[in-house]
Amino acid sequence: MSVLQSAPESHAPRAMPAPAGTVGRARTMSLCGLAAAPILVEAVQLNGLPNFTIVGLPDAAVNEARERLRAGFQALNVPWPNRRLTVNLSPADVTKSGTGFDLSLAVAIFESMGYRFAYPQAVVIGELGLDGSVRAVRGVLPAVLAASEQGYEVAVVPKANEREARMVGNIQVIPIYHLGQIAQLCGIPIVDIPDEPPEEENVRSDEESTDFADVCGQEEAIAGVEVAAAGGHHVLMIGPPGIGKSMLAQRIPAVLPDLTPQDALHVAAIESVIGARPVTDLPIRPPLCAPHHTATIAAMVGGGTGIPRPGAITRAHAGILFLDEYPEFATAVIQALRQPMENGYIDIARSRFHVRYPARFQLIAAANPCRCGHRGDGTNQCHCTSRDNRLYELALSGPVPDRIDIQLSLRRPSRADLRRGGTITSDSIRQSIALARERQEWRLKELPIARNAYVSGNWLRNHTRIPTAMNDRIDHAIQCGYMSFRGVYRLLRVAWTIADLAGHDSPSADDISYAFALRSRSRR
């Protein structure tokens, strides 16, 4: 086997059983969010009644490795130690969770039996099956990435996670599909190892073919969406049911540029932590996450028992978070978006854990004008009371909508619009957005950000020359309470994006006036 041929020859197998008290060691990584900490696995056999104990704050999944290891040893016909076996996971005050510790436990136990692992400084990650097979685990990419940053040169991972681990690039990856291979690397003469199973095809599904030309009679809304996509601005679309709000939102990812290498690595790491499937390649297109309006706070921002898991805003990192029926989401869920919308990350604090997940998403929200959806719609009569409308307006206002850069009102298309069909194609929008983003990246090349939506207020004050007429209009909006100081900065960010799309060096009076129009939806 190639993995065995590359093993150093300086580690000769020890045929004699080790005396009691011999400490076997292995190294692995413990995942906490997208970060990973090195863990030293120590195993020792002591005199006394046969027993197997794992200490060092293991969770239920780690403790259950005892039975998987016993079954795996029996599958290899390797005698299980008939002594008091104790395994310590160091540092002992850090909670360990998941099934990725199985292989490192096996290596430490083999060493406690008197054998020596061929790669003593390698990190070992993997889950065991009862037949000795090694199965994929989640979080291999961030774990191997952390191991590389901490100076480890070799990583032993499940065969199913090989492509994922090789994305790191500067660390030697040894893929393992059976416990017998680990035994051979420890010098145990195992000859009967099952053949390597065929590699499963796990191709990233193709995107659905969508085009803005499918949307009829919404040219103004499409223009606003183009501005939002070019600058990474949050958008709220309001209009009657069935007029194309969801269609517009679902077509935005198709016109966005491909992910940068750094964003692609972050998205792949998030997919690895979620563990829906092994990551086989770096993603190219921005993700789209559309949680249902019954989603809880934990489902939206992350959480759960044990170490908090990523939520919808993290799955939408570097992509689109689409909230259909936006006012129907629980108020607490909407308010939880305030910090990540500003900072681009979410801090989840628990009594024993503190996890930070990236959450630089673009929010696309869609809502009806009222509870029944027909307020201001000339073709249908609204059945909501004035109290219902006031409560619904409150759901559409507040701190979170104040952080939304663009608010669009969509009208119901006419018969002529339907006969004419869509007049704006995704190709033309994609080209305009690409040119606008090139201007942004050149202008913001000295900053750690590359989108107008993320520039600071200090940068806007120093680089934006506002015409006098627009200054008076902004002052009037502030004095009337129509716009907050945060809203002024958001207005200027949108104006810069409009200028980029128009090819202007800086926002003109017309650009700022158009930004005003995009921030002020008409109340029906």
Protein backbone atom coordinates (compact mmCIF):
# COMPACT_ATOMS: atom_id res chain seq x y z
CA MET A 1 0.00 0.00 0.00
CA SER A 2 1.26 3.50 -0.84
CA VAL A 3 0.46 4.83 2.60
CA LEU A 4 2.60 2.14 4.19
CA GLN A 5 5.43 2.51 1.71
CA SER A 6 5.79 6.16 2.73
CA ALA A 7 6.06 5.29 6.44
CA PRO A 8 9.44 5.96 8.07
CA GLU A 9 11.51 2.80 8.52
CA SER A 10 13.01 3.89 11.84
CA HIS A 11 10.01 2.64 13.81
CA ALA A 12 10.35 -1.12 14.07
CA PRO A 13 7.36 -3.09 15.39
CA ARG A 14 7.57 -4.44 18.91
CA ALA A 15 6.32 -7.98 19.13
CA MET A 16 6.46 -8.28 22.93
CA PRO A 17 3.57 -6.86 24.94
CA ALA A 18 4.46 -3.71 26.86
CA PRO A 19 4.68 -3.83 30.64
CA ALA A 20 1.90 -2.27 32.69
CA GLY A 21 2.27 1.48 32.90
CA THR A 22 3.49 2.03 29.33
CA VAL A 23 1.88 5.23 28.09
CA GLY A 24 0.77 5.37 24.47
CA ARG A 25 0.19 8.73 22.83
CA ALA A 26 -1.57 10.13 19.79
CA ARG A 27 -2.56 13.59 18.66
CA THR A 28 -5.81 14.89 17.28
CA MET A 29 -7.85 18.11 17.03
CA SER A 30 -10.95 19.15 18.95
CA LEU A 31 -13.34 21.32 16.98
CA CYS A 32 -15.04 24.36 18.55
CA GLY A 33 -16.94 26.24 15.89
CA LEU A 34 -14.55 26.88 13.01
CA ALA A 35 -11.55 26.81 15.35
CA ALA A 36 -9.74 23.66 16.49
CA ALA A 37 -7.49 23.00 19.47
CA PRO A 38 -4.78 20.31 19.63
CA ILE A 39 -5.58 17.36 21.89
CA LEU A 40 -3.07 14.88 23.28
CA VAL A 41 -4.54 11.38 23.67
CA GLU A 42 -2.80 9.26 26.32
CA ALA A 43 -3.53 5.59 27.00
CA VAL A 44 -2.09 3.45 29.79
CA GLN A 45 -2.71 -0.16 30.89
CA LEU A 46 -2.63 -0.70 34.65
CA ASN A 47 -2.88 -3.80 36.79
CA GLY A 48 -6.36 -4.49 38.06
CA LEU A 49 -9.73 -5.72 36.89
CA PRO A 50 -10.28 -5.29 33.13
CA ASN A 51 -11.95 -1.96 32.51
CA PHE A 52 -11.92 0.84 29.92
CA THR A 53 -12.27 4.44 31.09
CA ILE A 54 -12.02 7.66 29.08
CA VAL A 55 -11.34 10.81 31.11
CA GLY A 56 -10.86 14.45 30.11
CA LEU A 57 -14.44 15.72 29.72
CA PRO A 58 -15.57 13.45 26.85
CA ASP A 59 -19.15 13.78 25.65
CA ALA A 60 -21.46 10.84 24.94
CA ALA A 61 -20.14 10.35 21.39
CA VAL A 62 -16.55 10.11 22.63
CA ASN A 63 -17.48 7.71 25.44
CA GLU A 64 -19.30 5.46 23.01
CA ALA A 65 -16.00 4.96 21.17
CA ARG A 66 -15.25 2.21 23.69
CA GLU A 67 -17.66 -0.18 22.00
CA ARG A 68 -16.59 0.82 18.49
CA LEU A 69 -12.95 0.20 19.40
CA ARG A 70 -13.66 -3.23 20.93
CA ALA A 71 -15.54 -4.27 17.79
CA GLY A 72 -12.81 -2.88 15.54
CA PHE A 73 -10.08 -4.79 17.40
CA GLN A 74 -12.07 -7.98 17.09
CA ALA A 75 -12.54 -7.39 13.35
CA LEU A 76 -8.72 -7.33 13.08
CA ASN A 77 -8.26 -10.37 15.36
CA VAL A 78 -6.14 -8.16 17.64
CA PRO A 79 -6.57 -9.11 21.32
CA TRP A 80 -8.19 -6.44 23.43
CA PRO A 81 -6.03 -5.45 26.44
CA ASN A 82 -7.02 -7.60 29.41
CA ARG A 83 -6.08 -4.91 31.91
CA ARG A 84 -7.39 -1.72 33.41
CA LEU A 85 -7.21 0.62 30.39
CA THR A 86 -7.38 4.36 31.01
CA VAL A 87 -7.40 6.99 28.27
CA ASN A 88 -6.85 10.66 29.04
CA LEU A 89 -7.73 13.52 26.67
CA SER A 90 -5.49 16.48 27.44
CA PRO A 91 -6.06 19.31 28.23
CA ALA A 92 -8.53 17.68 30.57
CA ASP A 93 -10.58 20.82 31.23
CA VAL A 94 -11.74 21.22 27.61
CA THR A 95 -14.92 19.42 26.58
CA LYS A 96 -14.39 16.99 23.70
CA SER A 97 -17.26 16.15 21.40
CA GLY A 98 -17.86 14.17 18.24
CA THR A 99 -16.76 10.85 16.78
CA GLY A 100 -13.51 12.06 15.24
CA PHE A 101 -11.49 10.85 18.23
CA ASP A 102 -11.89 7.12 17.44
CA LEU A 103 -8.74 6.69 15.34
CA SER A 104 -6.53 8.64 17.74
CA LEU A 105 -7.82 6.49 20.61
CA ALA A 106 -6.91 3.38 18.61
CA VAL A 107 -3.37 4.67 17.98
CA ALA A 108 -2.84 5.48 21.66
CA ILE A 109 -4.09 2.03 22.69
CA PHE A 110 -1.81 0.33 20.15
CA GLU A 111 1.14 2.25 21.57
CA SER A 112 0.17 1.28 25.13
CA MET A 113 0.42 -2.35 23.92
CA GLY A 114 4.07 -1.80 22.99
CA TYR A 115 3.82 -0.81 19.33
CA ARG A 116 4.88 2.52 17.90
CA PHE A 117 3.00 4.65 15.39
CA ALA A 118 5.00 5.52 12.27
CA TYR A 119 3.98 9.21 12.46
CA PRO A 120 4.20 10.17 16.15
CA GLN A 121 3.66 13.89 15.41
CA ALA A 122 0.69 13.44 13.07
CA VAL A 123 -2.86 14.48 13.89
CA VAL A 124 -5.23 11.52 13.58
CA ILE A 125 -8.91 12.08 12.84
CA GLY A 126 -11.63 9.56 12.01
CA GLU A 127 -14.62 7.52 13.15
CA LEU A 128 -14.69 3.72 13.39
CA GLY A 129 -17.39 1.37 12.25
CA LEU A 130 -18.06 -1.94 13.98
CA ASP A 131 -16.37 -3.78 11.12
CA GLY A 132 -13.19 -1.72 11.44
CA SER A 133 -14.00 0.59 8.57
CA VAL A 134 -13.10 4.26 8.91
CA ARG A 135 -15.91 6.68 8.21
CA ALA A 136 -16.09 10.35 7.36
CA VAL A 137 -16.48 12.94 10.10
CA ARG A 138 -17.49 16.57 9.96
CA GLY A 139 -15.08 19.44 10.45
CA VAL A 140 -12.01 17.86 8.83
CA LEU A 141 -11.16 20.96 6.76
CA PRO A 142 -11.00 23.45 9.68
CA ALA A 143 -9.28 20.82 11.86
CA VAL A 144 -6.53 20.13 9.32
CA LEU A 145 -6.21 23.84 8.59
CA ALA A 146 -5.69 24.53 12.31
CA ALA A 147 -3.21 21.65 12.54
CA SER A 148 -1.20 23.11 9.65
CA GLU A 149 -1.16 26.56 11.26
CA GLN A 150 0.13 25.02 14.50
CA GLY A 151 3.06 23.31 12.80
CA TYR A 152 1.84 19.76 12.20
CA GLU A 153 3.18 18.27 8.98
CA VAL A 154 1.07 15.09 8.67
CA ALA A 155 -2.67 14.48 8.99
CA VAL A 156 -4.29 11.03 9.00
CA VAL A 157 -7.91 11.37 7.89
CA PRO A 158 -10.72 9.12 6.62
CA LYS A 159 -10.54 8.28 2.94
CA ALA A 160 -13.92 9.97 2.41
CA ASN A 161 -12.46 13.26 3.73
CA GLU A 162 -9.25 13.09 1.67
CA ARG A 163 -10.18 15.78 -0.87
CA GLU A 164 -11.38 18.04 1.90
CA ALA A 165 -8.10 17.70 3.80
CA ARG A 166 -5.97 18.25 0.70
CA MET A 167 -7.50 21.71 0.24
CA VAL A 168 -5.11 22.92 2.95
CA GLY A 169 -2.19 22.21 0.64
CA ASN A 170 0.83 22.53 2.95
CA ILE A 171 0.36 19.38 5.01
CA GLN A 172 0.86 15.71 4.09
CA VAL A 173 -2.47 13.88 4.06
CA ILE A 174 -2.66 10.12 4.67
CA PRO A 175 -6.11 8.72 3.80
CA ILE A 176 -7.30 5.69 5.80
CA TYR A 177 -10.33 3.54 5.04
CA HIS A 178 -9.82 0.71 7.57
CA LEU A 179 -8.45 0.28 11.08
CA GLY A 180 -6.10 -2.40 9.73
CA GLN A 181 -4.11 0.31 7.98
CA ILE A 182 -3.60 2.10 11.29
CA ALA A 183 -2.49 -1.21 12.83
CA GLN A 184 0.05 -1.69 10.05
CA LEU A 185 1.37 1.84 10.57
CA CYS A 186 1.87 0.84 14.21
CA GLY A 187 3.88 -2.24 13.16
CA ILE A 188 1.17 -4.84 13.77
CA PRO A 189 1.33 -7.58 11.11
CA ILE A 190 -2.22 -7.34 9.72
CA VAL A 191 -2.61 -9.06 6.36
CA ASP A 192 -6.36 -9.49 5.96
CA ILE A 193 -7.62 -5.98 5.21
CA PRO A 194 -10.74 -5.57 3.07
CA ASP A 195 -10.34 -4.01 -0.34
CA GLU A 196 -10.75 -0.29 -0.58
CA PRO A 197 -14.42 0.54 -1.23
CA PRO A 198 -15.20 2.38 -4.46
CA GLU A 199 -15.22 6.13 -4.16
CA GLU A 200 -18.71 7.56 -4.02
CA GLU A 201 -19.58 10.20 -6.56
CA ASN A 202 -20.42 13.37 -4.66
CA VAL A 203 -20.71 16.01 -7.30
CA ARG A 204 -21.94 19.46 -6.34
CA SER A 205 -25.41 19.85 -7.79
CA ASP A 206 -25.77 22.26 -10.68
CA GLU A 207 -27.61 25.49 -10.11
CA GLU A 208 -31.10 25.81 -11.45
CA SER A 209 -31.14 27.71 -14.71
CA THR A 210 -32.71 31.07 -13.84
CA ASP A 211 -32.72 34.39 -15.63
CA PHE A 212 -34.05 37.84 -14.81
CA ALA A 213 -35.76 37.74 -18.21
CA ASP A 214 -38.32 35.44 -16.57
CA VAL A 215 -39.53 38.36 -14.41
CA CYS A 216 -42.16 40.46 -16.17
CA GLY A 217 -42.94 44.10 -15.53
CA GLN A 218 -40.54 44.74 -12.66
CA GLU A 219 -37.87 46.83 -14.41
CA GLU A 220 -37.61 49.34 -11.54
CA ALA A 221 -37.27 46.60 -8.96
CA ILE A 222 -34.66 44.80 -11.08
CA ALA A 223 -32.66 48.03 -11.29
CA GLY A 224 -32.76 48.31 -7.50
CA VAL A 225 -31.73 44.68 -7.13
CA GLU A 226 -28.82 45.31 -9.51
CA VAL A 227 -27.60 48.13 -7.26
CA ALA A 228 -27.93 45.88 -4.22
CA ALA A 229 -26.01 43.03 -5.83
CA ALA A 230 -23.25 45.33 -7.06
CA GLY A 231 -22.56 46.81 -3.63
CA GLY A 232 -23.59 43.96 -1.34
CA HIS A 233 -26.47 45.98 0.13
CA HIS A 234 -29.35 44.55 2.16
CA VAL A 235 -32.76 44.76 0.42
CA LEU A 236 -36.38 44.73 1.55
CA MET A 237 -38.95 44.09 -1.21
CA ILE A 238 -42.60 44.87 -0.50
CA GLY A 239 -45.47 44.04 -2.80
CA PRO A 240 -48.65 41.97 -3.25
CA PRO A 241 -48.42 38.17 -3.35
CA GLY A 242 -47.37 36.48 -6.56
CA ILE A 243 -45.76 39.43 -8.35
CA GLY A 244 -42.19 38.12 -8.42
CA LYS A 245 -40.47 38.93 -5.11
CA SER A 246 -39.23 35.38 -4.62
CA MET A 247 -38.26 35.11 -8.28
CA LEU A 248 -36.07 38.20 -7.97
CA ALA A 249 -34.39 36.94 -4.80
CA GLN A 250 -33.66 33.50 -6.24
CA ARG A 251 -31.98 35.02 -9.28
CA ILE A 252 -29.59 37.29 -7.42
CA PRO A 253 -26.90 34.62 -6.71
CA ALA A 254 -26.67 33.86 -10.44
CA VAL A 255 -25.50 37.41 -11.26
CA LEU A 256 -22.99 37.69 -8.41
CA PRO A 257 -19.29 37.19 -9.19
CA ASP A 258 -17.60 33.94 -8.18
CA LEU A 259 -16.32 33.57 -4.65
CA THR A 260 -12.81 34.78 -3.91
CA PRO A 261 -10.35 32.04 -2.82
CA GLN A 262 -10.58 33.22 0.80
CA ASP A 263 -14.39 33.27 0.80
CA ALA A 264 -14.48 29.87 -0.92
CA LEU A 265 -12.28 28.40 1.82
CA HIS A 266 -14.55 29.89 4.52
CA VAL A 267 -17.69 28.52 2.83
CA ALA A 268 -16.08 25.09 2.47
CA ALA A 269 -15.08 25.11 6.15
CA ILE A 270 -18.65 25.98 7.13
CA GLU A 271 -19.99 23.13 5.00
CA SER A 272 -17.46 20.81 6.65
CA VAL A 273 -18.56 21.82 10.16
CA ILE A 274 -22.22 21.39 9.26
CA GLY A 275 -21.34 17.91 7.99
CA ALA A 276 -24.17 17.44 5.51
CA ARG A 277 -21.69 15.70 3.18
CA PRO A 278 -17.92 15.48 2.72
CA VAL A 279 -16.53 18.54 0.98
CA THR A 280 -14.96 17.39 -2.28
CA ASP A 281 -13.96 20.73 -3.79
CA LEU A 282 -13.96 24.42 -3.10
CA PRO A 283 -17.31 26.06 -3.87
CA ILE A 284 -17.38 28.55 -6.72
CA ARG A 285 -20.77 30.21 -6.48
CA PRO A 286 -22.11 32.24 -3.52
CA PRO A 287 -24.50 30.25 -1.33
CA LEU A 288 -28.22 30.94 -0.96
CA CYS A 289 -29.90 30.13 2.36
CA ALA A 290 -33.67 30.58 2.72
CA PRO A 291 -34.93 29.52 6.18
CA HIS A 292 -38.66 29.14 6.79
CA HIS A 293 -40.39 31.89 8.76
CA THR A 294 -40.94 29.46 11.66
CA ALA A 295 -37.17 29.26 12.26
CA THR A 296 -36.03 29.70 15.87
CA ILE A 297 -33.21 31.93 17.10
CA ALA A 298 -30.88 28.93 17.34
CA ALA A 299 -31.73 27.91 13.76
CA MET A 300 -31.09 31.44 12.52
CA VAL A 301 -27.92 32.51 14.35
CA GLY A 302 -26.63 29.13 15.59
CA GLY A 303 -26.81 27.16 18.82
CA GLY A 304 -27.99 23.80 20.07
CA THR A 305 -26.80 21.49 22.80
CA GLY A 306 -23.09 21.13 23.46
CA ILE A 307 -20.85 23.18 21.19
CA PRO A 308 -23.08 25.62 19.24
CA ARG A 309 -23.60 24.71 15.60
CA PRO A 310 -23.75 27.21 12.71
CA GLY A 311 -27.08 28.83 11.92
CA ALA A 312 -28.66 30.09 8.71
CA ILE A 313 -26.72 33.37 8.77
CA THR A 314 -23.43 31.45 8.81
CA ARG A 315 -24.55 29.08 6.04
CA ALA A 316 -25.28 32.24 4.02
CA HIS A 317 -21.80 33.68 4.62
CA ALA A 318 -20.41 35.29 1.44
CA GLY A 319 -23.82 34.76 -0.17
CA ILE A 320 -27.52 35.51 0.16
CA LEU A 321 -29.83 35.13 3.17
CA PHE A 322 -33.37 35.21 1.80
CA LEU A 323 -36.16 35.79 4.32
CA ASP A 324 -39.49 35.28 2.57
CA GLU A 325 -42.55 36.50 4.49
CA TYR A 326 -40.17 38.64 6.54
CA PRO A 327 -42.79 40.07 9.00
CA GLU A 328 -43.90 36.53 9.89
CA PHE A 329 -40.55 35.74 11.53
CA ALA A 330 -40.57 35.99 15.31
CA THR A 331 -39.54 39.42 16.57
CA ALA A 332 -36.69 37.95 18.63
CA VAL A 333 -35.34 36.17 15.54
CA ILE A 334 -35.33 39.38 13.52
CA GLN A 335 -33.69 41.36 16.33
CA ALA A 336 -30.95 38.73 16.56
CA LEU A 337 -29.79 39.81 13.10
CA ARG A 338 -28.75 43.27 14.26
CA GLN A 339 -25.18 42.48 15.35
CA PRO A 340 -24.18 40.20 12.43
CA MET A 341 -25.62 42.66 9.90
CA GLU A 342 -23.25 45.29 11.24
CA ASN A 343 -20.18 43.21 12.16
CA GLY A 344 -20.18 40.34 9.69
CA TYR A 345 -19.89 37.68 12.40
CA ILE A 346 -21.91 36.19 15.25
CA ASP A 347 -20.65 35.51 18.76
CA ILE A 348 -22.48 32.68 20.51
CA ALA A 349 -21.72 32.59 24.23
CA ARG A 350 -22.56 29.67 26.50
CA SER A 351 -21.49 28.87 30.05
CA ARG A 352 -18.65 26.63 28.81
CA PHE A 353 -18.21 27.70 25.20
CA HIS A 354 -17.66 30.88 23.25
CA VAL A 355 -17.86 30.41 19.49
CA ARG A 356 -17.50 32.99 16.73
CA TYR A 357 -18.89 32.15 13.29
CA PRO A 358 -18.55 34.30 10.16
CA ALA A 359 -21.81 35.83 8.98
CA ARG A 360 -21.06 38.35 6.23
CA PHE A 361 -24.30 37.76 4.34
CA GLN A 362 -26.45 39.91 2.08
CA LEU A 363 -30.01 40.03 3.40
CA ILE A 364 -32.83 39.87 0.87
CA ALA A 365 -36.19 40.19 2.61
CA ALA A 366 -39.62 39.96 1.00
CA ALA A 367 -42.93 41.03 2.54
CA ASN A 368 -46.52 41.70 1.64
CA PRO A 369 -47.84 45.25 2.16
CA CYS A 370 -50.23 43.99 4.84
CA ARG A 371 -51.32 40.78 6.53
CA CYS A 372 -53.74 39.79 3.77
CA GLY A 373 -51.39 41.08 1.09
CA HIS A 374 -53.81 43.31 -0.82
CA ARG A 375 -53.31 46.73 0.76
CA GLY A 376 -52.97 49.27 -2.05
CA ASP A 377 -53.55 46.58 -4.68
CA GLY A 378 -56.06 47.94 -7.16
CA THR A 379 -57.27 44.51 -8.23
CA ASN A 380 -58.15 43.20 -4.77
CA GLN A 381 -59.69 44.63 -1.64
CA CYS A 382 -57.74 44.67 1.63
CA HIS A 383 -59.51 42.91 4.51
CA CYS A 384 -57.18 44.09 7.28
CA THR A 385 -58.33 46.47 9.99
CA SER A 386 -56.47 49.67 10.77
CA ARG A 387 -55.08 48.00 13.91
CA ASP A 388 -53.81 45.07 11.84
CA ASN A 389 -52.08 47.49 9.47
CA ARG A 390 -50.46 49.38 12.34
CA LEU A 391 -49.10 46.17 13.87
CA TYR A 392 -47.88 45.03 10.48
CA GLU A 393 -46.11 48.34 9.90
CA LEU A 394 -44.38 47.93 13.25
CA ALA A 395 -43.04 44.58 12.07
CA LEU A 396 -41.61 46.34 9.01
CA SER A 397 -39.94 49.08 11.05
CA GLY A 398 -37.41 49.23 13.84
CA PRO A 399 -33.65 48.76 14.24
CA VAL A 400 -33.24 45.94 11.72
CA PRO A 401 -35.04 47.67 8.78
CA ASP A 402 -32.96 50.76 9.60
CA ARG A 403 -29.94 48.60 8.71
CA ILE A 404 -31.45 47.66 5.34
CA ASP A 405 -29.94 49.84 2.64
CA ILE A 406 -32.57 49.50 -0.09
CA GLN A 407 -36.35 49.24 0.22
CA LEU A 408 -38.28 48.49 -2.95
CA SER A 409 -42.00 48.65 -3.67
CA LEU A 410 -43.11 46.22 -6.35
CA ARG A 411 -46.24 46.79 -8.40
CA ARG A 412 -48.48 44.20 -9.98
CA PRO A 413 -47.52 43.79 -13.67
CA SER A 414 -50.09 44.71 -16.28
CA ARG A 415 -51.31 42.54 -19.12
CA ALA A 416 -49.04 44.47 -21.46
CA ASP A 417 -46.07 43.62 -19.23
CA LEU A 418 -46.97 39.95 -19.32
CA ARG A 419 -47.31 39.97 -23.10
CA ARG A 420 -44.01 41.80 -23.53
CA GLY A 421 -42.15 39.52 -21.09
CA GLY A 422 -38.91 40.28 -19.36
CA THR A 423 -36.70 42.88 -21.01
CA ILE A 424 -33.60 42.65 -18.78
CA THR A 425 -31.39 39.56 -18.91
CA SER A 426 -29.08 38.18 -16.26
CA ASP A 427 -26.11 38.41 -18.64
CA SER A 428 -26.39 42.18 -18.95
CA ILE A 429 -26.79 42.56 -15.18
CA ARG A 430 -23.84 40.26 -14.53
CA GLN A 431 -21.58 42.35 -16.76
CA SER A 432 -22.59 45.61 -15.10
CA ILE A 433 -22.06 44.16 -11.63
CA ALA A 434 -18.63 42.82 -12.58
CA LEU A 435 -17.50 46.25 -13.80
CA ALA A 436 -18.92 47.98 -10.71
CA ARG A 437 -17.14 45.57 -8.39
CA GLU A 438 -13.86 46.11 -10.20
CA ARG A 439 -14.18 49.83 -9.48
CA GLN A 440 -14.97 49.12 -5.83
CA GLU A 441 -12.03 46.78 -5.41
CA TRP A 442 -9.64 49.29 -6.97
CA ARG A 443 -10.94 52.17 -4.84
CA LEU A 444 -10.97 50.12 -1.61
CA LYS A 445 -7.74 48.19 -2.25
CA GLU A 446 -6.07 49.75 0.82
CA LEU A 447 -8.93 48.63 3.09
CA PRO A 448 -9.69 45.13 4.43
CA ILE A 449 -13.10 45.22 2.71
CA ALA A 450 -14.05 45.20 -0.95
CA ARG A 451 -17.75 46.20 -1.03
CA ASN A 452 -19.42 49.58 -0.67
CA ALA A 453 -21.87 48.13 1.84
CA TYR A 454 -19.03 47.59 4.36
CA VAL A 455 -17.14 50.90 4.20
CA SER A 456 -16.93 52.85 7.46
CA GLY A 457 -18.53 56.17 8.23
CA ASN A 458 -15.09 57.74 8.61
CA TRP A 459 -14.16 56.73 5.04
CA LEU A 460 -17.45 58.12 3.73
CA ARG A 461 -16.90 61.46 5.46
CA ASN A 462 -13.41 61.79 4.02
CA HIS A 463 -14.12 60.67 0.46
CA THR A 464 -17.71 61.75 -0.34
CA ARG A 465 -18.32 65.26 -1.67
CA ILE A 466 -22.03 65.93 -1.24
CA PRO A 467 -23.61 68.68 -3.39
CA THR A 468 -25.19 71.55 -1.43
CA ALA A 469 -28.73 70.72 -2.54
CA MET A 470 -28.31 67.15 -1.36
CA ASN A 471 -26.87 68.35 1.97
CA ASP A 472 -30.02 70.38 2.58
CA ARG A 473 -32.20 67.40 1.72
CA ILE A 474 -30.26 65.11 4.06
CA ASP A 475 -30.43 67.67 6.90
CA HIS A 476 -34.18 67.98 6.41
CA ALA A 477 -34.62 64.18 6.52
CA ILE A 478 -32.64 63.98 9.78
CA GLN A 479 -34.54 66.84 11.44
CA CYS A 480 -37.89 65.34 10.48
CA GLY A 481 -36.88 61.97 11.91
CA TYR A 482 -37.23 60.33 8.53
CA MET A 483 -33.57 59.25 8.51
CA SER A 484 -31.11 58.39 11.29
CA PHE A 485 -27.39 59.11 11.21
CA ARG A 486 -26.88 55.43 10.42
CA GLY A 487 -29.32 55.88 7.57
CA VAL A 488 -27.22 58.74 6.15
CA TYR A 489 -24.18 56.50 5.90
CA ARG A 490 -26.25 53.80 4.26
CA LEU A 491 -27.59 56.36 1.80
CA LEU A 492 -24.04 57.35 0.85
CA ARG A 493 -22.95 53.71 0.47
CA VAL A 494 -25.81 53.11 -1.96
CA ALA A 495 -24.93 56.33 -3.82
CA TRP A 496 -21.35 55.11 -4.27
CA THR A 497 -22.63 51.85 -5.77
CA ILE A 498 -24.91 53.75 -8.15
CA ALA A 499 -21.91 55.83 -9.20
CA ASP A 500 -19.87 52.66 -9.80
CA LEU A 501 -22.61 51.24 -12.03
CA ALA A 502 -22.78 54.53 -13.94
CA GLY A 503 -18.99 54.78 -14.28
CA HIS A 504 -18.71 57.96 -12.18
CA ASP A 505 -15.62 58.75 -10.11
CA SER A 506 -17.78 59.92 -7.18
CA PRO A 507 -21.51 60.19 -6.45
CA SER A 508 -23.27 62.99 -8.28
CA ALA A 509 -26.45 64.78 -7.18
CA ASP A 510 -28.47 62.44 -9.41
CA ASP A 511 -26.77 59.38 -7.86
CA ILE A 512 -27.63 60.56 -4.33
CA SER A 513 -31.17 61.41 -5.40
CA TYR A 514 -31.60 57.89 -6.81
CA ALA A 515 -30.21 56.49 -3.56
CA PHE A 516 -32.91 58.47 -1.73
CA ALA A 517 -35.53 56.86 -3.94
CA LEU A 518 -34.17 53.37 -3.26
CA ARG A 519 -34.27 53.94 0.50
CA SER A 520 -37.81 55.33 0.62
CA ARG A 521 -40.49 52.83 -0.28
CA SER A 522 -43.91 54.30 -0.97
CA ARG A 523 -46.47 53.43 1.67
CA ARG A 524 -49.53 51.94 0.06
